[in-house]
């Protein structure tokens, strides 16, 4: 964290601690600055760098001058990205009020809202709301090249990390294994973050790991500097079986050259979305939505990460299957993406 970001965070915590309340034009008391936490995954994935760029663009402390022609952050907001276990834990933390927002897989968001799949045995997270669909992320099945693995079925008997509990990767990895005729017991599975999995591959303690992440993933790029790696393709039959169970996943490929020496690799993808809880105020989420699609964040994303160039307003509602937060819906109506007042309401 830079000194400027640290100072900003310290300032808002001091304001909160000292009861930094001021009266607005209507005389209503409000907090002069607000802390806005965005849950992401591990630091070596794509969620964290993308969430960090969004947080930087959202941050606009009270009284900060705005010299840009476009909006430059959400008024009175100090936003930060926080590492987490992943999508499953993120939706739970958002609804519990432990995070103001989070990046999550679209399938996990839908399952949480409807009380399905991994959430079937717990109360549905009915207050979960969407802000936007951001970009697609791909399943990476990373293995040591000297193993010569050419299919998911070839992972049998290997030491493979399926990511840690609370991650969307773990949920979907199990689906991919089952569609390939494997059970977890057919592997020697481990459940650690991709960065730790990469370290264990370097040490010879793991043969590979799975991760759903936007390419290029930092953990994989760094690993490739120390170990010759390959990506295992997901064949068409396996992809179709997974999609029959999880329609949120689509067949796609990781392009040749995304990682040094690795050709085009067939795989599956899912959308990454930004979600919040319904309890957040409409004005706050409107301000966040407007800033998210403003020039400042757009520039930060384009310059800061390859996936950032794919975060486009025209695709903001693609694949969103949970209700939009009223603040987000208000913004999309203003820009003509949501013409009907009834769109985005919950399906009971």
Protein backbone atom coordinates (compact mmCIF):
# COMPACT_ATOMS: atom_id res chain seq x y z
CA UNK A 1 0.00 0.00 0.00
CA UNK A 2 1.42 3.41 -0.91
CA UNK A 3 1.86 6.10 1.73
CA UNK A 4 -0.92 8.12 0.10
CA UNK A 5 -3.37 5.18 0.32
CA UNK A 6 -2.25 4.42 3.89
CA UNK A 7 -2.76 8.03 4.91
CA UNK A 8 -6.20 8.07 3.33
CA UNK A 9 -7.26 4.92 5.17
CA UNK A 10 -5.85 6.27 8.42
CA UNK A 11 -7.77 9.49 7.93
CA UNK A 12 -11.13 7.77 7.52
CA UNK A 13 -10.52 5.47 10.49
CA UNK A 14 -9.72 8.52 12.57
CA UNK A 15 -12.90 10.19 11.37
CA UNK A 16 -14.95 7.14 12.28
CA UNK A 17 -13.25 6.81 15.64
CA UNK A 18 -13.80 10.46 16.48
CA UNK A 19 -17.40 10.51 15.30
CA UNK A 20 -16.73 12.67 12.23
CA UNK A 21 -20.36 13.56 11.63
CA UNK A 22 -21.43 16.68 9.70
CA UNK A 23 -24.76 18.12 8.63
CA UNK A 24 -25.65 18.11 4.93
CA UNK A 25 -27.72 20.75 3.13
CA UNK A 26 -30.95 19.34 4.56
CA UNK A 27 -29.59 19.36 8.09
CA UNK A 28 -29.36 15.56 8.22
CA UNK A 29 -26.33 14.18 10.01
CA UNK A 30 -23.98 12.07 7.90
CA UNK A 31 -20.48 10.67 8.25
CA UNK A 32 -17.93 12.92 6.57
CA UNK A 33 -16.18 9.88 5.07
CA UNK A 34 -17.15 6.25 4.64
CA UNK A 35 -15.02 3.12 4.52
CA UNK A 36 -16.00 0.86 1.58
CA UNK A 37 -14.47 -2.63 1.67
CA UNK A 38 -14.39 -4.69 -1.52
CA UNK A 39 -13.81 -8.43 -1.00
CA UNK A 40 -11.50 -10.07 -3.51
CA UNK A 41 -9.66 -13.40 -3.71
CA UNK A 42 -5.99 -14.03 -3.10
CA UNK A 43 -3.42 -11.37 -3.94
CA UNK A 44 -1.97 -13.48 -6.78
CA UNK A 45 -5.26 -13.88 -8.65
CA UNK A 46 -7.22 -11.41 -10.78
CA UNK A 47 -9.93 -10.34 -8.32
CA UNK A 48 -7.49 -8.55 -6.06
CA UNK A 49 -5.72 -6.37 -8.65
CA UNK A 50 -9.03 -5.52 -10.36
CA UNK A 51 -10.70 -4.74 -7.02
CA UNK A 52 -7.69 -2.62 -6.01
CA UNK A 53 -7.96 -0.56 -9.19
CA UNK A 54 -11.71 -0.09 -8.66
CA UNK A 55 -11.09 0.89 -5.04
CA UNK A 56 -8.51 3.46 -6.07
CA UNK A 57 -10.94 4.94 -8.57
CA UNK A 58 -13.85 4.98 -6.12
CA UNK A 59 -11.92 6.74 -3.39
CA UNK A 60 -12.81 10.40 -3.02
CA UNK A 61 -12.42 11.68 0.55
CA UNK A 62 -14.80 14.38 1.66
CA UNK A 63 -13.55 17.77 0.51
CA UNK A 64 -11.25 16.34 -2.15
CA UNK A 65 -11.17 18.48 -5.27
CA UNK A 66 -12.36 16.96 -8.52
CA UNK A 67 -10.55 18.51 -11.47
CA UNK A 68 -11.62 15.99 -14.09
CA UNK A 69 -14.44 16.59 -16.54
CA UNK A 70 -15.86 13.14 -15.70
CA UNK A 71 -16.80 12.06 -12.20
CA UNK A 72 -13.78 11.21 -10.08
CA UNK A 73 -14.86 8.77 -7.42
CA UNK A 74 -17.78 8.42 -5.05
CA UNK A 75 -18.17 11.46 -2.75
CA UNK A 76 -16.93 10.89 0.78
CA UNK A 77 -15.76 7.33 0.10
CA UNK A 78 -12.52 5.60 1.08
CA UNK A 79 -12.48 2.27 -0.75
CA UNK A 80 -10.06 -0.61 -0.19
CA UNK A 81 -9.69 -4.11 -1.61
CA UNK A 82 -9.42 -6.97 0.87
CA UNK A 83 -8.06 -10.44 0.24
CA UNK A 84 -10.42 -13.33 0.97
CA UNK A 85 -10.97 -17.04 0.44
CA UNK A 86 -13.01 -16.35 -2.70
CA UNK A 87 -16.54 -16.12 -4.07
CA UNK A 88 -18.38 -18.37 -1.60
CA UNK A 89 -16.96 -16.62 1.45
CA UNK A 90 -17.39 -13.23 -0.23
CA UNK A 91 -21.17 -13.48 -0.67
CA UNK A 92 -21.57 -14.58 2.92
CA UNK A 93 -19.43 -11.69 4.13
CA UNK A 94 -21.37 -9.15 2.06
CA UNK A 95 -24.73 -10.29 3.44
CA UNK A 96 -23.29 -10.38 6.97
CA UNK A 97 -22.16 -6.75 6.63
CA UNK A 98 -18.48 -7.66 6.93
CA UNK A 99 -17.86 -6.26 3.44
CA UNK A 100 -19.65 -3.49 1.58
CA UNK A 101 -19.05 -5.14 -1.81
CA UNK A 102 -17.25 -8.08 -3.38
CA UNK A 103 -16.20 -9.63 -6.66
CA UNK A 104 -17.76 -13.07 -7.11
CA UNK A 105 -18.45 -15.66 -9.77
CA UNK A 106 -21.88 -15.31 -11.37
CA UNK A 107 -22.77 -18.93 -10.59
CA UNK A 108 -21.92 -18.50 -6.90
CA UNK A 109 -23.97 -15.28 -6.74
CA UNK A 110 -27.02 -17.03 -8.23
CA UNK A 111 -26.67 -20.10 -6.00
CA UNK A 112 -26.37 -17.91 -2.91
CA UNK A 113 -29.40 -15.79 -3.79
CA UNK A 114 -31.61 -18.78 -4.67
CA UNK A 115 -30.27 -21.11 -1.96
CA UNK A 116 -29.01 -23.73 -4.39
CA UNK A 117 -25.97 -25.98 -4.92
CA UNK A 118 -23.36 -25.30 -2.23
CA UNK A 119 -25.88 -23.06 -0.40
CA UNK A 120 -28.74 -25.59 -0.48
CA UNK A 121 -28.44 -26.52 3.19
CA UNK A 122 -28.50 -22.99 4.56
CA UNK A 123 -30.89 -20.02 4.39
CA UNK A 124 -30.77 -18.32 1.01
CA UNK A 125 -28.87 -15.04 0.90
CA UNK A 126 -31.93 -13.19 -0.36
CA UNK A 127 -30.54 -9.70 0.28
CA UNK A 128 -27.67 -10.16 -2.19
CA UNK A 129 -27.79 -7.58 -5.00
CA UNK A 130 -25.75 -6.99 -8.16
CA UNK A 131 -23.96 -3.86 -9.29
CA UNK A 132 -22.43 -5.14 -12.52
CA UNK A 133 -20.95 -7.94 -14.54
CA UNK A 134 -17.30 -7.08 -15.13
CA UNK A 135 -15.38 -9.65 -17.20
CA UNK A 136 -15.05 -13.39 -17.74
CA UNK A 137 -12.57 -15.58 -15.90
CA UNK A 138 -11.29 -18.96 -17.04
CA UNK A 139 -10.61 -22.31 -15.43
CA UNK A 140 -6.87 -22.94 -15.39
CA UNK A 141 -5.69 -26.48 -14.70
CA UNK A 142 -1.96 -26.00 -14.16
CA UNK A 143 0.42 -28.98 -14.10
CA UNK A 144 4.12 -29.74 -14.40
CA UNK A 145 4.93 -30.15 -18.09
CA UNK A 146 7.13 -33.20 -17.51
CA UNK A 147 4.06 -35.16 -16.37
CA UNK A 148 2.64 -35.10 -19.90
CA UNK A 149 -0.98 -34.67 -18.77
CA UNK A 150 -3.34 -34.17 -21.74
CA UNK A 151 -6.78 -34.49 -20.13
CA UNK A 152 -8.61 -33.95 -16.84
CA UNK A 153 -8.88 -37.71 -16.45
CA UNK A 154 -5.08 -37.80 -16.49
CA UNK A 155 -5.01 -36.05 -13.11
CA UNK A 156 -5.86 -39.35 -11.41
CA UNK A 157 -3.37 -40.18 -8.68
CA UNK A 158 -1.71 -36.75 -8.77
CA UNK A 159 -1.23 -34.22 -6.01
CA UNK A 160 -3.57 -31.41 -7.08
CA UNK A 161 -4.78 -28.37 -5.16
CA UNK A 162 -8.45 -27.55 -5.79
CA UNK A 163 -8.22 -24.14 -4.03
CA UNK A 164 -9.30 -23.48 -0.47
CA UNK A 165 -12.74 -23.83 1.13
CA UNK A 166 -14.84 -20.76 0.45
CA UNK A 167 -13.63 -20.38 -3.12
CA UNK A 168 -15.72 -20.67 -6.25
CA UNK A 169 -12.86 -22.60 -7.82
CA UNK A 170 -13.29 -25.47 -5.35
CA UNK A 171 -17.00 -25.77 -6.16
CA UNK A 172 -16.47 -25.81 -9.92
CA UNK A 173 -13.33 -27.96 -9.76
CA UNK A 174 -15.44 -30.70 -8.20
CA UNK A 175 -17.94 -30.40 -11.06
CA UNK A 176 -15.17 -30.67 -13.66
CA UNK A 177 -13.65 -33.72 -11.97
CA UNK A 178 -17.04 -35.46 -11.75
CA UNK A 179 -17.79 -34.71 -15.41
CA UNK A 180 -14.45 -36.34 -16.28
CA UNK A 181 -15.29 -39.49 -14.34
CA UNK A 182 -13.13 -38.69 -11.33
CA UNK A 183 -13.85 -38.38 -7.63
CA UNK A 184 -11.77 -36.28 -5.28
CA UNK A 185 -10.54 -39.51 -3.72
CA UNK A 186 -9.00 -40.43 -7.09
CA UNK A 187 -6.54 -37.58 -6.56
CA UNK A 188 -4.32 -36.62 -3.66
CA UNK A 189 -6.16 -33.31 -3.20
CA UNK A 190 -4.99 -30.32 -1.28
CA UNK A 191 -6.95 -27.14 -0.51
CA UNK A 192 -4.69 -24.10 -0.55
CA UNK A 193 -4.58 -20.73 -2.27
CA UNK A 194 -3.04 -20.73 -5.78
CA UNK A 195 0.00 -18.74 -4.66
CA UNK A 196 0.82 -21.36 -2.02
CA UNK A 197 0.04 -24.14 -4.51
CA UNK A 198 2.56 -22.60 -6.91
CA UNK A 199 5.19 -22.53 -4.18
CA UNK A 200 4.55 -26.19 -3.43
CA UNK A 201 4.93 -27.04 -7.11
CA UNK A 202 8.33 -25.36 -7.09
CA UNK A 203 9.26 -27.36 -3.98
CA UNK A 204 8.06 -30.59 -5.61
CA UNK A 205 5.24 -31.13 -3.10
CA UNK A 206 2.41 -30.62 -5.64
CA UNK A 207 1.89 -31.72 -9.22
CA UNK A 208 -0.59 -29.00 -10.10
CA UNK A 209 -3.54 -26.85 -9.09
CA UNK A 210 -6.84 -25.50 -10.36
CA UNK A 211 -7.86 -21.86 -10.35
CA UNK A 212 -10.68 -19.88 -11.93
CA UNK A 213 -9.11 -16.56 -12.76
CA UNK A 214 -8.76 -14.03 -15.54
CA UNK A 215 -5.74 -14.54 -17.72
CA UNK A 216 -2.91 -13.78 -17.39
CA UNK A 217 -2.82 -14.75 -13.71
CA UNK A 218 0.12 -13.44 -11.71
CA UNK A 219 0.55 -16.66 -9.72
CA UNK A 220 0.87 -18.68 -12.94
CA UNK A 221 3.20 -16.18 -14.61
CA UNK A 222 5.53 -16.27 -11.62
CA UNK A 223 5.39 -20.06 -11.44
CA UNK A 224 6.36 -20.36 -15.10
CA UNK A 225 9.62 -18.56 -14.32
CA UNK A 226 10.72 -21.43 -12.06
CA UNK A 227 8.94 -24.53 -13.35
CA UNK A 228 8.02 -25.70 -16.86
CA UNK A 229 4.24 -25.84 -16.75
CA UNK A 230 1.35 -26.73 -19.01
CA UNK A 231 -2.39 -26.13 -18.99
CA UNK A 232 -4.67 -29.17 -19.16
CA UNK A 233 -7.53 -28.74 -21.67
CA UNK A 234 -11.19 -29.36 -20.86
CA UNK A 235 -12.54 -31.48 -23.72
CA UNK A 236 -15.90 -30.78 -25.34
CA UNK A 237 -17.70 -33.70 -23.72
CA UNK A 238 -16.57 -32.68 -20.24
CA UNK A 239 -17.49 -29.05 -20.92
CA UNK A 240 -20.99 -30.03 -22.05
CA UNK A 241 -21.53 -32.16 -18.95
CA UNK A 242 -20.40 -29.35 -16.67
CA UNK A 243 -22.66 -26.88 -18.46
CA UNK A 244 -25.64 -29.21 -18.04
CA UNK A 245 -25.17 -28.88 -14.27
CA UNK A 246 -23.88 -25.31 -14.19
CA UNK A 247 -25.27 -23.25 -17.10
CA UNK A 248 -23.34 -20.20 -15.88
CA UNK A 249 -20.15 -21.73 -17.24
CA UNK A 250 -19.39 -21.43 -20.94
CA UNK A 251 -16.95 -23.21 -23.24
CA UNK A 252 -14.05 -21.03 -24.35
CA UNK A 253 -10.27 -21.11 -24.58
CA UNK A 254 -7.21 -19.49 -23.09
CA UNK A 255 -5.35 -18.02 -26.09
CA UNK A 256 -1.91 -19.09 -27.20
CA UNK A 257 0.75 -16.92 -25.66
CA UNK A 258 -1.28 -15.97 -22.58
CA UNK A 259 1.55 -17.79 -20.79
CA UNK A 260 5.02 -18.37 -22.31
CA UNK A 261 5.29 -21.51 -24.40
CA UNK A 262 1.68 -22.64 -23.95
CA UNK A 263 -0.65 -22.94 -26.92
CA UNK A 264 -4.38 -22.32 -27.09
CA UNK A 265 -6.15 -24.35 -24.40
CA UNK A 266 -9.83 -25.31 -24.38
CA UNK A 267 -11.48 -24.56 -21.07
CA UNK A 268 -14.56 -23.14 -19.32
CA UNK A 269 -15.30 -19.59 -18.24
CA UNK A 270 -17.67 -17.80 -15.88
CA UNK A 271 -18.48 -14.11 -15.37
CA UNK A 272 -17.02 -12.09 -12.52
CA UNK A 273 -19.57 -9.76 -10.96
CA UNK A 274 -19.59 -7.04 -8.32
CA UNK A 275 -22.23 -7.53 -5.63
CA UNK A 276 -23.49 -5.70 -2.55
CA UNK A 277 -26.19 -6.13 0.06
CA UNK A 278 -29.66 -4.63 -0.32
CA UNK A 279 -29.16 -2.77 2.97
CA UNK A 280 -26.71 -0.29 1.40
CA UNK A 281 -28.34 3.03 0.65
CA UNK A 282 -29.60 3.70 -2.86
CA UNK A 283 -27.58 6.91 -3.10
CA UNK A 284 -24.34 5.22 -2.07
CA UNK A 285 -24.73 2.41 -4.61
CA UNK A 286 -25.78 4.92 -7.28
CA UNK A 287 -22.60 6.94 -6.61
CA UNK A 288 -20.49 3.75 -6.71
CA UNK A 289 -22.15 2.58 -9.95
CA UNK A 290 -21.69 5.96 -11.61
CA UNK A 291 -18.03 6.11 -10.58
CA UNK A 292 -17.44 2.50 -11.63
CA UNK A 293 -18.34 3.39 -15.21
CA UNK A 294 -16.69 6.80 -15.19
CA UNK A 295 -13.54 7.77 -17.05
CA UNK A 296 -11.29 7.61 -14.00
CA UNK A 297 -11.88 3.92 -13.20
CA UNK A 298 -12.01 3.07 -16.88
CA UNK A 299 -8.55 4.54 -17.35
CA UNK A 300 -7.16 2.81 -14.26
CA UNK A 301 -8.51 -0.56 -15.42
CA UNK A 302 -7.22 -0.19 -18.98
CA UNK A 303 -3.76 0.77 -17.80
CA UNK A 304 -3.58 -1.48 -14.76
CA UNK A 305 -4.50 -5.01 -15.89
CA UNK A 306 -5.13 -6.87 -19.17
CA UNK A 307 -8.60 -7.91 -17.98
CA UNK A 308 -9.36 -4.29 -17.18
CA UNK A 309 -9.69 -3.55 -20.89
CA UNK A 310 -12.63 -5.97 -21.01
CA UNK A 311 -14.65 -4.19 -18.31
CA UNK A 312 -17.18 -2.41 -20.54
CA UNK A 313 -20.42 -0.61 -19.74
CA UNK A 314 -22.22 -2.20 -22.69
CA UNK A 315 -21.74 -5.62 -21.06
CA UNK A 316 -22.52 -4.53 -17.49
CA UNK A 317 -25.80 -6.47 -17.33
CA UNK A 318 -24.76 -9.59 -19.24
CA UNK A 319 -25.30 -12.73 -17.19
CA UNK A 320 -26.71 -10.91 -14.16
CA UNK A 321 -29.30 -13.30 -12.71
CA UNK A 322 -29.78 -11.80 -9.25
CA UNK A 323 -31.63 -8.53 -8.64
CA UNK A 324 -29.84 -5.27 -9.24
CA UNK A 325 -29.48 -2.97 -6.28
CA UNK A 326 -31.92 -0.04 -6.72
CA UNK A 327 -28.99 2.38 -6.81
CA UNK A 328 -27.37 0.47 -9.66
CA UNK A 329 -30.70 0.12 -11.47
CA UNK A 330 -31.20 3.88 -11.22
CA UNK A 331 -27.83 4.49 -12.89
CA UNK A 332 -28.48 2.00 -15.69
CA UNK A 333 -31.86 3.58 -16.40
CA UNK A 334 -30.18 6.97 -16.68
CA UNK A 335 -27.74 5.68 -19.30
CA UNK A 336 -30.40 3.74 -21.21
CA UNK A 337 -29.32 0.19 -20.38
CA UNK A 338 -32.36 -0.57 -18.23
CA UNK A 339 -35.50 0.88 -19.78
CA UNK A 340 -38.10 -0.88 -17.65
CA UNK A 341 -38.70 -0.03 -14.01
CA UNK A 342 -39.63 -3.67 -13.39
CA UNK A 343 -36.33 -5.14 -14.56
CA UNK A 344 -33.96 -6.36 -11.90
CA UNK A 345 -36.57 -7.26 -9.28
CA UNK A 346 -36.10 -10.40 -7.16
CA UNK A 347 -37.43 -13.76 -8.34
CA UNK A 348 -38.92 -15.53 -5.33
